[in-house]
Amino acid sequence: MNTNDLPIGIMTHVASFLPKPSRALFVVSLTAPSSSWQNTNEEKQLSETSKAIMSPSSQWEILDFEEVEKSLAKKLTDNDLYAVLSCIKETVKRLKLTGCINITGRGLSPLQFSTALELIDLSLLKQYEDTSTRIESRLCQETVIPILGSIISVQGCLLKHIQFLHEWIRAPSTRFVNFNNSYAQHLYRLGISCSKCNNVIRGRTRHISLNDILFCCYSCLKPICERCVRVRICGICDKMYCSGCLRANQRDSCTQCFMTVCGGCKYNHMSQCSGCDAKRCNKCSRISGPLCRNCIEFDNDVLDWFEEESDVDLEPYIVHPGVRRSNEEFYEGVEE
């Protein structure tokens, strides 16, 4: 007796407790080993149990590997990804390869000439993860870009947003630049209309570091022209959001460098000044310490005055070198 002999209802119920990537891998394991799915001489047929687990097909419109443990995501191979995408290639609209550092891109082959895919995130980062995070990636431009090229070459292509690996953006290769130019020309021919004013949005090739030539929000994917809604990029996760989505997720900005920060990154990568309510990005916090610039200047002025008027040893009130900050007891002494 094997798992396929168990009642379909029980198997479906058990699978429902798994995150979607794990559920898809479970279906693959019930059908054939991942390594055999790329054998073109052998067509894979899903069992009745697998078909029940995979239905309804609408549940596979978004596949985000952030839903599984990082330890699992980094073990996944191109064979695993190929097998999973072979099952959902007609359905998946948003694919996010969060944490899949072991793939080269060969596993994306089932998506060639896809007319369903709208967003693909190749950054390998979580949605609200700092792009300065070091990643040991095996993702290969020579493998991935031809697959993306096949998608934008097909009639009826719906691909609106590509979130590239940050290393590709930081040091763009000729292949990468050429693909972005081809994508811009594709969008120009497509003539996508702004969701607000219906004006046609033209593809643009400047600012390749924006990741997305067409102004499509990472969250809602609606195309929006600059006249209607100013599109902004979070300075931490490098995701592009329309102003509406930024407001909805309670965006903020660093009080020192004035960098725009989306709502998710605000809670994960910003800290509050120890002397006031000012919020600063982690980079500015590392530079100025626990205090913002305004508090540092204020404290130093007070301490300079106090040194002239009192013989009190100020060493206990100095938090760290370069920033002399007194505690509440010190301020009470000044007021007296």
C-alpha atoms as a PDB file:
ATOM      1  CA  MET A   1       0.000   0.000   0.000  1.00  0.00           C
ATOM      2  CA  ASN A   2       1.322   3.467  -0.910  1.00  0.00           C
ATOM      3  CA  THR A   3       0.070   7.029  -0.509  1.00  0.00           C
ATOM      4  CA  ASN A   4      -1.870   6.919  -3.789  1.00  0.00           C
ATOM      5  CA  ASP A   5      -3.993   4.126  -2.320  1.00  0.00           C
ATOM      6  CA  LEU A   6      -5.302   6.376   0.460  1.00  0.00           C
ATOM      7  CA  PRO A   7      -8.732   7.997   0.006  1.00  0.00           C
ATOM      8  CA  ILE A   8      -8.564  11.161  -2.114  1.00  0.00           C
ATOM      9  CA  GLY A   9     -10.455  13.154   0.538  1.00  0.00           C
ATOM     10  CA  ILE A  10      -7.864  12.379   3.213  1.00  0.00           C
ATOM     11  CA  MET A  11      -4.922  13.225   0.945  1.00  0.00           C
ATOM     12  CA  THR A  12      -6.527  16.479  -0.155  1.00  0.00           C
ATOM     13  CA  HIS A  13      -7.251  17.464   3.436  1.00  0.00           C
ATOM     14  CA  VAL A  14      -3.687  16.721   4.534  1.00  0.00           C
ATOM     15  CA  ALA A  15      -2.234  18.672   1.597  1.00  0.00           C
ATOM     16  CA  SER A  16      -4.380  21.702   2.440  1.00  0.00           C
ATOM     17  CA  PHE A  17      -2.251  22.304   5.554  1.00  0.00           C
ATOM     18  CA  LEU A  18       0.916  22.656   3.477  1.00  0.00           C
ATOM     19  CA  PRO A  19       2.120  25.987   2.058  1.00  0.00           C
ATOM     20  CA  LYS A  20       1.566  26.140  -1.692  1.00  0.00           C
ATOM     21  CA  PRO A  21       5.174  25.437  -2.768  1.00  0.00           C
ATOM     22  CA  SER A  22       5.263  22.366  -0.494  1.00  0.00           C
ATOM     23  CA  ARG A  23       1.842  21.294  -1.778  1.00  0.00           C
ATOM     24  CA  ALA A  24       3.088  21.470  -5.365  1.00  0.00           C
ATOM     25  CA  LEU A  25       6.217  19.490  -4.471  1.00  0.00           C
ATOM     26  CA  PHE A  26       3.968  16.920  -2.785  1.00  0.00           C
ATOM     27  CA  VAL A  27       1.999  16.518  -6.023  1.00  0.00           C
ATOM     28  CA  VAL A  28       5.251  16.093  -7.937  1.00  0.00           C
ATOM     29  CA  SER A  29       6.403  13.375  -5.538  1.00  0.00           C
ATOM     30  CA  LEU A  30       3.111  11.501  -6.002  1.00  0.00           C
ATOM     31  CA  THR A  31       3.650  11.482  -9.765  1.00  0.00           C
ATOM     32  CA  ALA A  32       7.355  10.934 -10.512  1.00  0.00           C
ATOM     33  CA  PRO A  33      10.823  11.921  -9.233  1.00  0.00           C
ATOM     34  CA  SER A  34      11.718  15.547  -9.997  1.00  0.00           C
ATOM     35  CA  SER A  35      14.750  14.443 -12.007  1.00  0.00           C
ATOM     36  CA  SER A  36      12.546  12.648 -14.548  1.00  0.00           C
ATOM     37  CA  TRP A  37      10.200  15.505 -15.436  1.00  0.00           C
ATOM     38  CA  GLN A  38      12.527  16.949 -18.081  1.00  0.00           C
ATOM     39  CA  ASN A  39      12.486  13.673 -20.004  1.00  0.00           C
ATOM     40  CA  THR A  40      10.556  14.722 -23.122  1.00  0.00           C
ATOM     41  CA  ASN A  41      10.046  11.098 -24.150  1.00  0.00           C
ATOM     42  CA  GLU A  42       7.891  10.426 -21.129  1.00  0.00           C
ATOM     43  CA  GLU A  43       4.736  12.497 -20.590  1.00  0.00           C
ATOM     44  CA  LYS A  44       3.731  12.838 -16.967  1.00  0.00           C
ATOM     45  CA  GLN A  45       0.118  12.116 -16.080  1.00  0.00           C
ATOM     46  CA  LEU A  46      -1.217  13.338 -12.745  1.00  0.00           C
ATOM     47  CA  SER A  47      -3.130  10.821 -10.674  1.00  0.00           C
ATOM     48  CA  GLU A  48      -6.677  11.488  -9.547  1.00  0.00           C
ATOM     49  CA  THR A  49      -5.316  12.324  -6.094  1.00  0.00           C
ATOM     50  CA  SER A  50      -2.841  14.814  -7.544  1.00  0.00           C
ATOM     51  CA  LYS A  51      -5.543  16.445  -9.674  1.00  0.00           C
ATOM     52  CA  ALA A  52      -7.743  16.841  -6.589  1.00  0.00           C
ATOM     53  CA  ILE A  53      -4.908  18.481  -4.654  1.00  0.00           C
ATOM     54  CA  MET A  54      -4.171  20.843  -7.553  1.00  0.00           C
ATOM     55  CA  SER A  55      -7.769  22.025  -7.877  1.00  0.00           C
ATOM     56  CA  PRO A  56      -9.055  24.648  -8.054  1.00  0.00           C
ATOM     57  CA  SER A  57      -6.480  25.935 -10.518  1.00  0.00           C
ATOM     58  CA  SER A  58      -6.991  29.539  -9.312  1.00  0.00           C
ATOM     59  CA  GLN A  59      -5.009  28.750  -6.140  1.00  0.00           C
ATOM     60  CA  TRP A  60      -1.849  28.597  -8.278  1.00  0.00           C
ATOM     61  CA  GLU A  61      -2.046  32.122  -9.679  1.00  0.00           C
ATOM     62  CA  ILE A  62       0.591  33.164  -7.111  1.00  0.00           C
ATOM     63  CA  LEU A  63       3.537  30.952  -6.206  1.00  0.00           C
ATOM     64  CA  ASP A  64       5.844  32.524  -3.634  1.00  0.00           C
ATOM     65  CA  PHE A  65       8.647  30.468  -2.123  1.00  0.00           C
ATOM     66  CA  GLU A  66       8.771  32.882   0.812  1.00  0.00           C
ATOM     67  CA  GLU A  67       5.939  30.747   2.204  1.00  0.00           C
ATOM     68  CA  VAL A  68       8.335  27.849   2.897  1.00  0.00           C
ATOM     69  CA  GLU A  69      11.259  27.652   5.283  1.00  0.00           C
ATOM     70  CA  LYS A  70      14.470  29.229   4.033  1.00  0.00           C
ATOM     71  CA  SER A  71      16.281  25.938   4.686  1.00  0.00           C
ATOM     72  CA  LEU A  72      13.957  24.193   2.216  1.00  0.00           C
ATOM     73  CA  ALA A  73      14.017  26.911  -0.440  1.00  0.00           C
ATOM     74  CA  LYS A  74      17.806  26.885  -0.659  1.00  0.00           C
ATOM     75  CA  LYS A  75      17.811  23.106  -1.245  1.00  0.00           C
ATOM     76  CA  LEU A  76      15.465  23.241  -4.229  1.00  0.00           C
ATOM     77  CA  THR A  77      17.050  22.442  -7.571  1.00  0.00           C
ATOM     78  CA  ASP A  78      16.185  23.262 -11.166  1.00  0.00           C
ATOM     79  CA  ASN A  79      14.641  19.791 -11.434  1.00  0.00           C
ATOM     80  CA  ASP A  80      12.265  20.584  -8.556  1.00  0.00           C
ATOM     81  CA  LEU A  81      11.305  23.960 -10.030  1.00  0.00           C
ATOM     82  CA  TYR A  82      10.835  22.482 -13.506  1.00  0.00           C
ATOM     83  CA  ALA A  83       8.520  19.773 -12.175  1.00  0.00           C
ATOM     84  CA  VAL A  84       6.426  22.249 -10.154  1.00  0.00           C
ATOM     85  CA  LEU A  85       6.079  24.732 -13.028  1.00  0.00           C
ATOM     86  CA  SER A  86       5.165  21.935 -15.407  1.00  0.00           C
ATOM     87  CA  CYS A  87       2.057  21.396 -13.290  1.00  0.00           C
ATOM     88  CA  ILE A  88       0.983  25.050 -13.093  1.00  0.00           C
ATOM     89  CA  LYS A  89       2.513  26.723 -16.177  1.00  0.00           C
ATOM     90  CA  GLU A  90      -0.908  27.510 -17.639  1.00  0.00           C
ATOM     91  CA  THR A  91      -2.115  29.117 -14.416  1.00  0.00           C
ATOM     92  CA  VAL A  92       0.695  30.885 -12.568  1.00  0.00           C
ATOM     93  CA  LYS A  93       0.556  34.680 -12.878  1.00  0.00           C
ATOM     94  CA  ARG A  94       3.066  35.714 -10.205  1.00  0.00           C
ATOM     95  CA  LEU A  95       6.218  33.755  -9.484  1.00  0.00           C
ATOM     96  CA  LYS A  96       8.582  34.744  -6.676  1.00  0.00           C
ATOM     97  CA  LEU A  97      11.734  32.670  -6.274  1.00  0.00           C
ATOM     98  CA  THR A  98      12.433  33.816  -2.714  1.00  0.00           C
ATOM     99  CA  GLY A  99      15.417  32.003  -1.236  1.00  0.00           C
ATOM    100  CA  CYS A 100      15.912  29.648  -4.209  1.00  0.00           C
ATOM    101  CA  ILE A 101      19.651  30.280  -4.344  1.00  0.00           C
ATOM    102  CA  ASN A 102      20.511  26.850  -5.750  1.00  0.00           C
ATOM    103  CA  ILE A 103      18.753  27.210  -9.108  1.00  0.00           C
ATOM    104  CA  THR A 104      20.469  28.357 -12.298  1.00  0.00           C
ATOM    105  CA  GLY A 105      17.286  29.213 -14.193  1.00  0.00           C
ATOM    106  CA  ARG A 106      16.955  26.022 -16.211  1.00  0.00           C
ATOM    107  CA  GLY A 107      13.923  25.128 -14.113  1.00  0.00           C
ATOM    108  CA  LEU A 108      12.051  28.133 -15.559  1.00  0.00           C
ATOM    109  CA  SER A 109      11.871  26.457 -18.974  1.00  0.00           C
ATOM    110  CA  PRO A 110       8.168  25.455 -18.674  1.00  0.00           C
ATOM    111  CA  LEU A 111       7.362  29.199 -18.694  1.00  0.00           C
ATOM    112  CA  GLN A 112       8.728  29.706 -22.197  1.00  0.00           C
ATOM    113  CA  PHE A 113       6.179  31.549 -24.375  1.00  0.00           C
ATOM    114  CA  SER A 114       3.853  31.923 -21.355  1.00  0.00           C
ATOM    115  CA  THR A 115       0.821  34.142 -21.881  1.00  0.00           C
ATOM    116  CA  ALA A 116      -0.290  33.890 -18.245  1.00  0.00           C
ATOM    117  CA  LEU A 117       2.733  35.220 -16.340  1.00  0.00           C
ATOM    118  CA  GLU A 118       2.363  38.834 -15.157  1.00  0.00           C
ATOM    119  CA  LEU A 119       5.146  39.161 -12.569  1.00  0.00           C
ATOM    120  CA  ILE A 120       8.368  37.298 -11.947  1.00  0.00           C
ATOM    121  CA  ASP A 121      10.636  38.118  -9.008  1.00  0.00           C
ATOM    122  CA  LEU A 122      14.194  36.937  -9.593  1.00  0.00           C
ATOM    123  CA  SER A 123      15.702  38.951  -6.727  1.00  0.00           C
ATOM    124  CA  LEU A 124      15.701  35.818  -4.494  1.00  0.00           C
ATOM    125  CA  LEU A 125      14.906  38.149  -1.572  1.00  0.00           C
ATOM    126  CA  LYS A 126      11.878  38.374   0.660  1.00  0.00           C
ATOM    127  CA  GLN A 127       9.463  41.152  -0.209  1.00  0.00           C
ATOM    128  CA  TYR A 128      10.738  43.432   2.555  1.00  0.00           C
ATOM    129  CA  GLU A 129      14.386  42.354   2.603  1.00  0.00           C
ATOM    130  CA  ASP A 130      17.229  44.831   2.146  1.00  0.00           C
ATOM    131  CA  THR A 131      18.828  44.584  -1.302  1.00  0.00           C
ATOM    132  CA  SER A 132      22.248  45.027   0.328  1.00  0.00           C
ATOM    133  CA  THR A 133      21.866  41.480   1.695  1.00  0.00           C
ATOM    134  CA  ARG A 134      24.607  39.284   0.265  1.00  0.00           C
ATOM    135  CA  ILE A 135      23.306  36.318  -1.733  1.00  0.00           C
ATOM    136  CA  GLU A 136      25.304  33.393  -3.044  1.00  0.00           C
ATOM    137  CA  SER A 137      23.243  32.948  -6.196  1.00  0.00           C
ATOM    138  CA  ARG A 138      23.711  30.515  -9.073  1.00  0.00           C
ATOM    139  CA  LEU A 139      21.124  32.264 -11.247  1.00  0.00           C
ATOM    140  CA  CYS A 140      22.567  32.522 -14.749  1.00  0.00           C
ATOM    141  CA  GLN A 141      21.740  35.313 -17.208  1.00  0.00           C
ATOM    142  CA  GLU A 142      22.658  33.091 -20.153  1.00  0.00           C
ATOM    143  CA  THR A 143      19.842  30.734 -19.084  1.00  0.00           C
ATOM    144  CA  VAL A 144      17.189  33.093 -17.716  1.00  0.00           C
ATOM    145  CA  ILE A 145      17.190  35.950 -20.242  1.00  0.00           C
ATOM    146  CA  PRO A 146      16.403  33.743 -23.295  1.00  0.00           C
ATOM    147  CA  ILE A 147      13.393  32.369 -21.390  1.00  0.00           C
ATOM    148  CA  LEU A 148      12.207  35.906 -20.592  1.00  0.00           C
ATOM    149  CA  GLY A 149      12.834  36.821 -24.223  1.00  0.00           C
ATOM    150  CA  SER A 150      10.560  34.013 -25.392  1.00  0.00           C
ATOM    151  CA  ILE A 151       7.788  35.268 -23.108  1.00  0.00           C
ATOM    152  CA  ILE A 152       7.829  38.846 -24.414  1.00  0.00           C
ATOM    153  CA  SER A 153       8.049  37.621 -28.006  1.00  0.00           C
ATOM    154  CA  VAL A 154       4.728  35.798 -27.935  1.00  0.00           C
ATOM    155  CA  GLN A 155       1.452  37.435 -28.932  1.00  0.00           C
ATOM    156  CA  GLY A 156      -0.702  38.141 -25.886  1.00  0.00           C
ATOM    157  CA  CYS A 157       2.203  38.490 -23.451  1.00  0.00           C
ATOM    158  CA  LEU A 158       0.978  39.827 -20.081  1.00  0.00           C
ATOM    159  CA  LEU A 159       4.347  40.197 -18.334  1.00  0.00           C
ATOM    160  CA  LYS A 160       4.245  43.565 -16.550  1.00  0.00           C
ATOM    161  CA  HIS A 161       6.902  43.434 -13.844  1.00  0.00           C
ATOM    162  CA  ILE A 162      10.329  41.801 -13.658  1.00  0.00           C
ATOM    163  CA  GLN A 163      12.218  42.129 -10.379  1.00  0.00           C
ATOM    164  CA  PHE A 164      15.797  41.338 -11.282  1.00  0.00           C
ATOM    165  CA  LEU A 165      18.601  40.024  -9.137  1.00  0.00           C
ATOM    166  CA  HIS A 166      20.249  43.110  -7.643  1.00  0.00           C
ATOM    167  CA  GLU A 167      23.712  42.043  -8.800  1.00  0.00           C
ATOM    168  CA  TRP A 168      22.506  42.140 -12.407  1.00  0.00           C
ATOM    169  CA  ILE A 169      21.287  45.700 -11.958  1.00  0.00           C
ATOM    170  CA  ARG A 170      24.367  46.913 -10.120  1.00  0.00           C
ATOM    171  CA  ALA A 171      26.711  45.697 -12.876  1.00  0.00           C
ATOM    172  CA  PRO A 172      24.546  45.298 -16.006  1.00  0.00           C
ATOM    173  CA  SER A 173      25.961  43.066 -18.714  1.00  0.00           C
ATOM    174  CA  THR A 174      25.474  43.667 -22.422  1.00  0.00           C
ATOM    175  CA  ARG A 175      22.982  40.802 -22.518  1.00  0.00           C
ATOM    176  CA  PHE A 176      20.996  42.371 -19.677  1.00  0.00           C
ATOM    177  CA  VAL A 177      20.933  45.832 -21.280  1.00  0.00           C
ATOM    178  CA  ASN A 178      19.881  44.394 -24.642  1.00  0.00           C
ATOM    179  CA  PHE A 179      16.999  42.521 -23.047  1.00  0.00           C
ATOM    180  CA  ASN A 180      15.763  45.674 -21.300  1.00  0.00           C
ATOM    181  CA  ASN A 181      15.815  47.514 -24.621  1.00  0.00           C
ATOM    182  CA  SER A 182      13.862  44.691 -26.250  1.00  0.00           C
ATOM    183  CA  TYR A 183      11.347  44.789 -23.409  1.00  0.00           C
ATOM    184  CA  ALA A 184      10.930  48.546 -23.831  1.00  0.00           C
ATOM    185  CA  GLN A 185      10.266  48.107 -27.550  1.00  0.00           C
ATOM    186  CA  HIS A 186       7.772  45.348 -26.806  1.00  0.00           C
ATOM    187  CA  LEU A 187       5.880  47.613 -24.398  1.00  0.00           C
ATOM    188  CA  TYR A 188       5.946  50.424 -26.933  1.00  0.00           C
ATOM    189  CA  ARG A 189       4.330  48.170 -29.560  1.00  0.00           C
ATOM    190  CA  LEU A 190       1.876  46.854 -26.995  1.00  0.00           C
ATOM    191  CA  GLY A 191       0.657  50.355 -26.128  1.00  0.00           C
ATOM    192  CA  ILE A 192      -0.608  49.570 -22.606  1.00  0.00           C
ATOM    193  CA  SER A 193      -2.992  52.200 -21.273  1.00  0.00           C
ATOM    194  CA  CYS A 194      -2.793  53.903 -17.903  1.00  0.00           C
ATOM    195  CA  SER A 195      -5.368  52.457 -15.523  1.00  0.00           C
ATOM    196  CA  LYS A 196      -6.244  55.995 -14.362  1.00  0.00           C
ATOM    197  CA  CYS A 197      -6.446  58.238 -17.425  1.00  0.00           C
ATOM    198  CA  ASN A 198      -6.320  55.662 -20.264  1.00  0.00           C
ATOM    199  CA  ASN A 199      -3.380  57.456 -21.871  1.00  0.00           C
ATOM    200  CA  VAL A 200      -0.999  55.092 -23.627  1.00  0.00           C
ATOM    201  CA  ILE A 201       2.168  54.416 -21.641  1.00  0.00           C
ATOM    202  CA  ARG A 202       5.311  54.217 -23.712  1.00  0.00           C
ATOM    203  CA  GLY A 203       8.223  51.958 -22.809  1.00  0.00           C
ATOM    204  CA  ARG A 204      11.342  53.743 -21.550  1.00  0.00           C
ATOM    205  CA  THR A 205      14.922  52.547 -21.552  1.00  0.00           C
ATOM    206  CA  ARG A 206      16.575  54.965 -19.164  1.00  0.00           C
ATOM    207  CA  HIS A 207      17.091  54.175 -15.495  1.00  0.00           C
ATOM    208  CA  ILE A 208      17.545  50.431 -15.944  1.00  0.00           C
ATOM    209  CA  SER A 209      18.123  50.211 -12.196  1.00  0.00           C
ATOM    210  CA  LEU A 210      14.397  50.778 -11.732  1.00  0.00           C
ATOM    211  CA  ASN A 211      13.981  47.071 -12.602  1.00  0.00           C
ATOM    212  CA  ASP A 212      10.778  47.725 -14.469  1.00  0.00           C
ATOM    213  CA  ILE A 213      10.691  49.830 -17.631  1.00  0.00           C
ATOM    214  CA  LEU A 214       6.920  50.093 -17.555  1.00  0.00           C
ATOM    215  CA  PHE A 215       5.479  51.781 -14.485  1.00  0.00           C
ATOM    216  CA  CYS A 216       3.648  48.831 -12.959  1.00  0.00           C
ATOM    217  CA  CYS A 217       3.231  48.615  -9.196  1.00  0.00           C
ATOM    218  CA  TYR A 218       4.834  45.559  -7.554  1.00  0.00           C
ATOM    219  CA  SER A 219       1.765  45.146  -5.359  1.00  0.00           C
ATOM    220  CA  CYS A 220      -1.299  45.820  -7.552  1.00  0.00           C
ATOM    221  CA  LEU A 221       0.404  45.492 -10.980  1.00  0.00           C
ATOM    222  CA  LYS A 222      -1.694  48.305 -12.386  1.00  0.00           C
ATOM    223  CA  PRO A 223       0.064  50.328 -15.110  1.00  0.00           C
ATOM    224  CA  ILE A 224       0.082  53.991 -14.153  1.00  0.00           C
ATOM    225  CA  CYS A 225       1.560  56.955 -15.990  1.00  0.00           C
ATOM    226  CA  GLU A 226       3.514  59.705 -14.225  1.00  0.00           C
ATOM    227  CA  ARG A 227       0.744  62.237 -14.828  1.00  0.00           C
ATOM    228  CA  CYS A 228      -1.710  60.337 -12.656  1.00  0.00           C
ATOM    229  CA  VAL A 229       0.274  58.761  -9.850  1.00  0.00           C
ATOM    230  CA  ARG A 230       3.889  59.298  -8.998  1.00  0.00           C
ATOM    231  CA  VAL A 231       5.616  55.944  -8.839  1.00  0.00           C
ATOM    232  CA  ARG A 232       8.204  55.533  -6.121  1.00  0.00           C
ATOM    233  CA  ILE A 233      10.776  52.933  -5.285  1.00  0.00           C
ATOM    234  CA  CYS A 234      11.409  51.818  -1.728  1.00  0.00           C
ATOM    235  CA  GLY A 235      15.034  52.657  -0.971  1.00  0.00           C
ATOM    236  CA  ILE A 236      15.501  49.454   1.015  1.00  0.00           C
ATOM    237  CA  CYS A 237      13.801  46.580  -0.840  1.00  0.00           C
ATOM    238  CA  ASP A 238      14.009  48.312  -4.250  1.00  0.00           C
ATOM    239  CA  LYS A 239      10.389  47.409  -5.048  1.00  0.00           C
ATOM    240  CA  MET A 240       8.381  49.798  -7.194  1.00  0.00           C
ATOM    241  CA  TYR A 241       5.003  50.883  -5.778  1.00  0.00           C
ATOM    242  CA  CYS A 242       2.371  53.334  -6.896  1.00  0.00           C
ATOM    243  CA  SER A 243       1.546  56.131  -4.458  1.00  0.00           C
ATOM    244  CA  GLY A 244      -1.798  54.513  -3.641  1.00  0.00           C
ATOM    245  CA  CYS A 245      -0.179  51.285  -2.464  1.00  0.00           C
ATOM    246  CA  LEU A 246       2.504  53.210  -0.579  1.00  0.00           C
ATOM    247  CA  ARG A 247      -0.196  55.095   1.316  1.00  0.00           C
ATOM    248  CA  ALA A 248      -2.175  51.916   1.933  1.00  0.00           C
ATOM    249  CA  ASN A 249       0.774  50.139   3.548  1.00  0.00           C
ATOM    250  CA  GLN A 250       1.695  53.233   5.597  1.00  0.00           C
ATOM    251  CA  ARG A 251       4.915  54.264   3.909  1.00  0.00           C
ATOM    252  CA  ASP A 252       7.433  56.442   5.700  1.00  0.00           C
ATOM    253  CA  SER A 253      10.714  58.194   5.007  1.00  0.00           C
ATOM    254  CA  CYS A 254      14.028  58.484   6.807  1.00  0.00           C
ATOM    255  CA  THR A 255      14.293  61.806   8.658  1.00  0.00           C
ATOM    256  CA  GLN A 256      18.013  62.059   7.834  1.00  0.00           C
ATOM    257  CA  CYS A 257      18.479  60.921   4.229  1.00  0.00           C
ATOM    258  CA  PHE A 258      14.768  61.405   3.271  1.00  0.00           C
ATOM    259  CA  MET A 259      14.677  58.015   1.543  1.00  0.00           C
ATOM    260  CA  THR A 260      11.176  56.653   0.811  1.00  0.00           C
ATOM    261  CA  VAL A 261      10.481  53.432   2.709  1.00  0.00           C
ATOM    262  CA  CYS A 262       7.505  51.130   2.118  1.00  0.00           C
ATOM    263  CA  GLY A 263       5.359  49.995   5.033  1.00  0.00           C
ATOM    264  CA  GLY A 264       6.931  46.535   5.342  1.00  0.00           C
ATOM    265  CA  CYS A 265      10.496  47.835   5.345  1.00  0.00           C
ATOM    266  CA  LYS A 266       9.527  50.560   7.803  1.00  0.00           C
ATOM    267  CA  TYR A 267       8.927  47.945  10.490  1.00  0.00           C
ATOM    268  CA  ASN A 268      11.899  45.754   9.544  1.00  0.00           C
ATOM    269  CA  HIS A 269      14.639  48.236   8.660  1.00  0.00           C
ATOM    270  CA  MET A 270      13.999  51.473  10.558  1.00  0.00           C
ATOM    271  CA  SER A 271      14.683  52.480  14.148  1.00  0.00           C
ATOM    272  CA  GLN A 272      13.523  55.316  16.354  1.00  0.00           C
ATOM    273  CA  CYS A 273      15.843  57.950  17.744  1.00  0.00           C
ATOM    274  CA  SER A 274      16.538  57.444  21.454  1.00  0.00           C
ATOM    275  CA  GLY A 275      16.033  61.151  22.112  1.00  0.00           C
ATOM    276  CA  CYS A 276      12.905  61.859  20.057  1.00  0.00           C
ATOM    277  CA  ASP A 277      10.324  60.166  17.820  1.00  0.00           C
ATOM    278  CA  ALA A 278      12.294  60.581  14.586  1.00  0.00           C
ATOM    279  CA  LYS A 279      12.574  57.410  12.461  1.00  0.00           C
ATOM    280  CA  ARG A 280      15.768  56.627  10.591  1.00  0.00           C
ATOM    281  CA  CYS A 281      16.840  53.892   8.212  1.00  0.00           C
ATOM    282  CA  ASN A 282      19.365  51.399   9.581  1.00  0.00           C
ATOM    283  CA  LYS A 283      22.155  52.874   7.474  1.00  0.00           C
ATOM    284  CA  CYS A 284      21.712  56.327   9.031  1.00  0.00           C
ATOM    285  CA  SER A 285      21.372  54.734  12.471  1.00  0.00           C
ATOM    286  CA  ARG A 286      24.726  53.013  12.065  1.00  0.00           C
ATOM    287  CA  ILE A 287      26.338  56.315  11.104  1.00  0.00           C
ATOM    288  CA  SER A 288      24.922  58.545  13.841  1.00  0.00           C
ATOM    289  CA  GLY A 289      24.303  55.994  16.601  1.00  0.00           C
ATOM    290  CA  PRO A 290      21.205  55.961  18.848  1.00  0.00           C
ATOM    291  CA  LEU A 291      20.517  59.674  18.289  1.00  0.00           C
ATOM    292  CA  CYS A 292      19.414  61.577  15.214  1.00  0.00           C
ATOM    293  CA  ARG A 293      21.463  64.571  14.072  1.00  0.00           C
ATOM    294  CA  ASN A 294      19.136  67.079  15.692  1.00  0.00           C
ATOM    295  CA  CYS A 295      19.396  65.381  19.098  1.00  0.00           C
ATOM    296  CA  ILE A 296      23.180  65.076  18.792  1.00  0.00           C
ATOM    297  CA  GLU A 297      23.516  68.808  18.139  1.00  0.00           C
ATOM    298  CA  PHE A 298      21.103  69.665  20.964  1.00  0.00           C
ATOM    299  CA  ASP A 299      22.830  67.420  23.505  1.00  0.00           C
ATOM    300  CA  ASN A 300      26.284  68.670  22.642  1.00  0.00           C
ATOM    301  CA  ASP A 301      25.154  72.283  23.104  1.00  0.00           C
ATOM    302  CA  VAL A 302      23.681  71.474  26.524  1.00  0.00           C
ATOM    303  CA  LEU A 303      26.755  69.517  27.597  1.00  0.00           C
ATOM    304  CA  ASP A 304      29.101  72.300  26.491  1.00  0.00           C
ATOM    305  CA  TRP A 305      27.119  74.749  28.615  1.00  0.00           C
ATOM    306  CA  PHE A 306      27.052  72.352  31.581  1.00  0.00           C
ATOM    307  CA  GLU A 307      30.814  71.786  31.456  1.00  0.00           C
ATOM    308  CA  GLU A 308      31.354  75.521  31.881  1.00  0.00           C
ATOM    309  CA  GLU A 309      28.894  75.887  34.776  1.00  0.00           C
ATOM    310  CA  SER A 310      29.518  72.710  36.812  1.00  0.00           C
ATOM    311  CA  ASP A 311      32.300  70.456  38.110  1.00  0.00           C
ATOM    312  CA  VAL A 312      30.174  67.292  37.639  1.00  0.00           C
ATOM    313  CA  ASP A 313      31.945  64.413  35.876  1.00  0.00           C
ATOM    314  CA  LEU A 314      30.130  63.979  32.558  1.00  0.00           C
ATOM    315  CA  GLU A 315      31.670  60.604  31.642  1.00  0.00           C
ATOM    316  CA  PRO A 316      28.700  58.562  32.960  1.00  0.00           C
ATOM    317  CA  TYR A 317      26.423  60.469  30.623  1.00  0.00           C
ATOM    318  CA  ILE A 318      28.391  59.766  27.436  1.00  0.00           C
ATOM    319  CA  VAL A 319      26.749  56.861  25.598  1.00  0.00           C
ATOM    320  CA  HIS A 320      29.478  56.184  23.021  1.00  0.00           C
ATOM    321  CA  PRO A 321      32.420  58.045  21.464  1.00  0.00           C
ATOM    322  CA  GLY A 322      31.387  60.939  19.280  1.00  0.00           C
ATOM    323  CA  VAL A 323      27.900  61.306  20.765  1.00  0.00           C
ATOM    324  CA  ARG A 324      27.612  62.813  24.229  1.00  0.00           C
ATOM    325  CA  ARG A 325      24.117  62.151  25.441  1.00  0.00           C
ATOM    326  CA  SER A 326      22.890  62.698  28.976  1.00  0.00           C
ATOM    327  CA  ASN A 327      20.150  60.621  30.550  1.00  0.00           C
ATOM    328  CA  GLU A 328      17.024  61.855  32.337  1.00  0.00           C
ATOM    329  CA  GLU A 329      18.943  62.427  35.580  1.00  0.00           C
ATOM    330  CA  PHE A 330      21.341  64.740  33.774  1.00  0.00           C
ATOM    331  CA  TYR A 331      18.508  66.796  32.270  1.00  0.00           C
ATOM    332  CA  GLU A 332      16.845  67.067  35.670  1.00  0.00           C
ATOM    333  CA  GLY A 333      20.121  68.446  37.023  1.00  0.00           C
ATOM    334  CA  VAL A 334      20.277  71.016  34.233  1.00  0.00           C
ATOM    335  CA  GLU A 335      16.707  72.154  34.917  1.00  0.00           C
ATOM    336  CA  GLU A 336      17.514  72.639  38.611  1.00  0.00           C
END
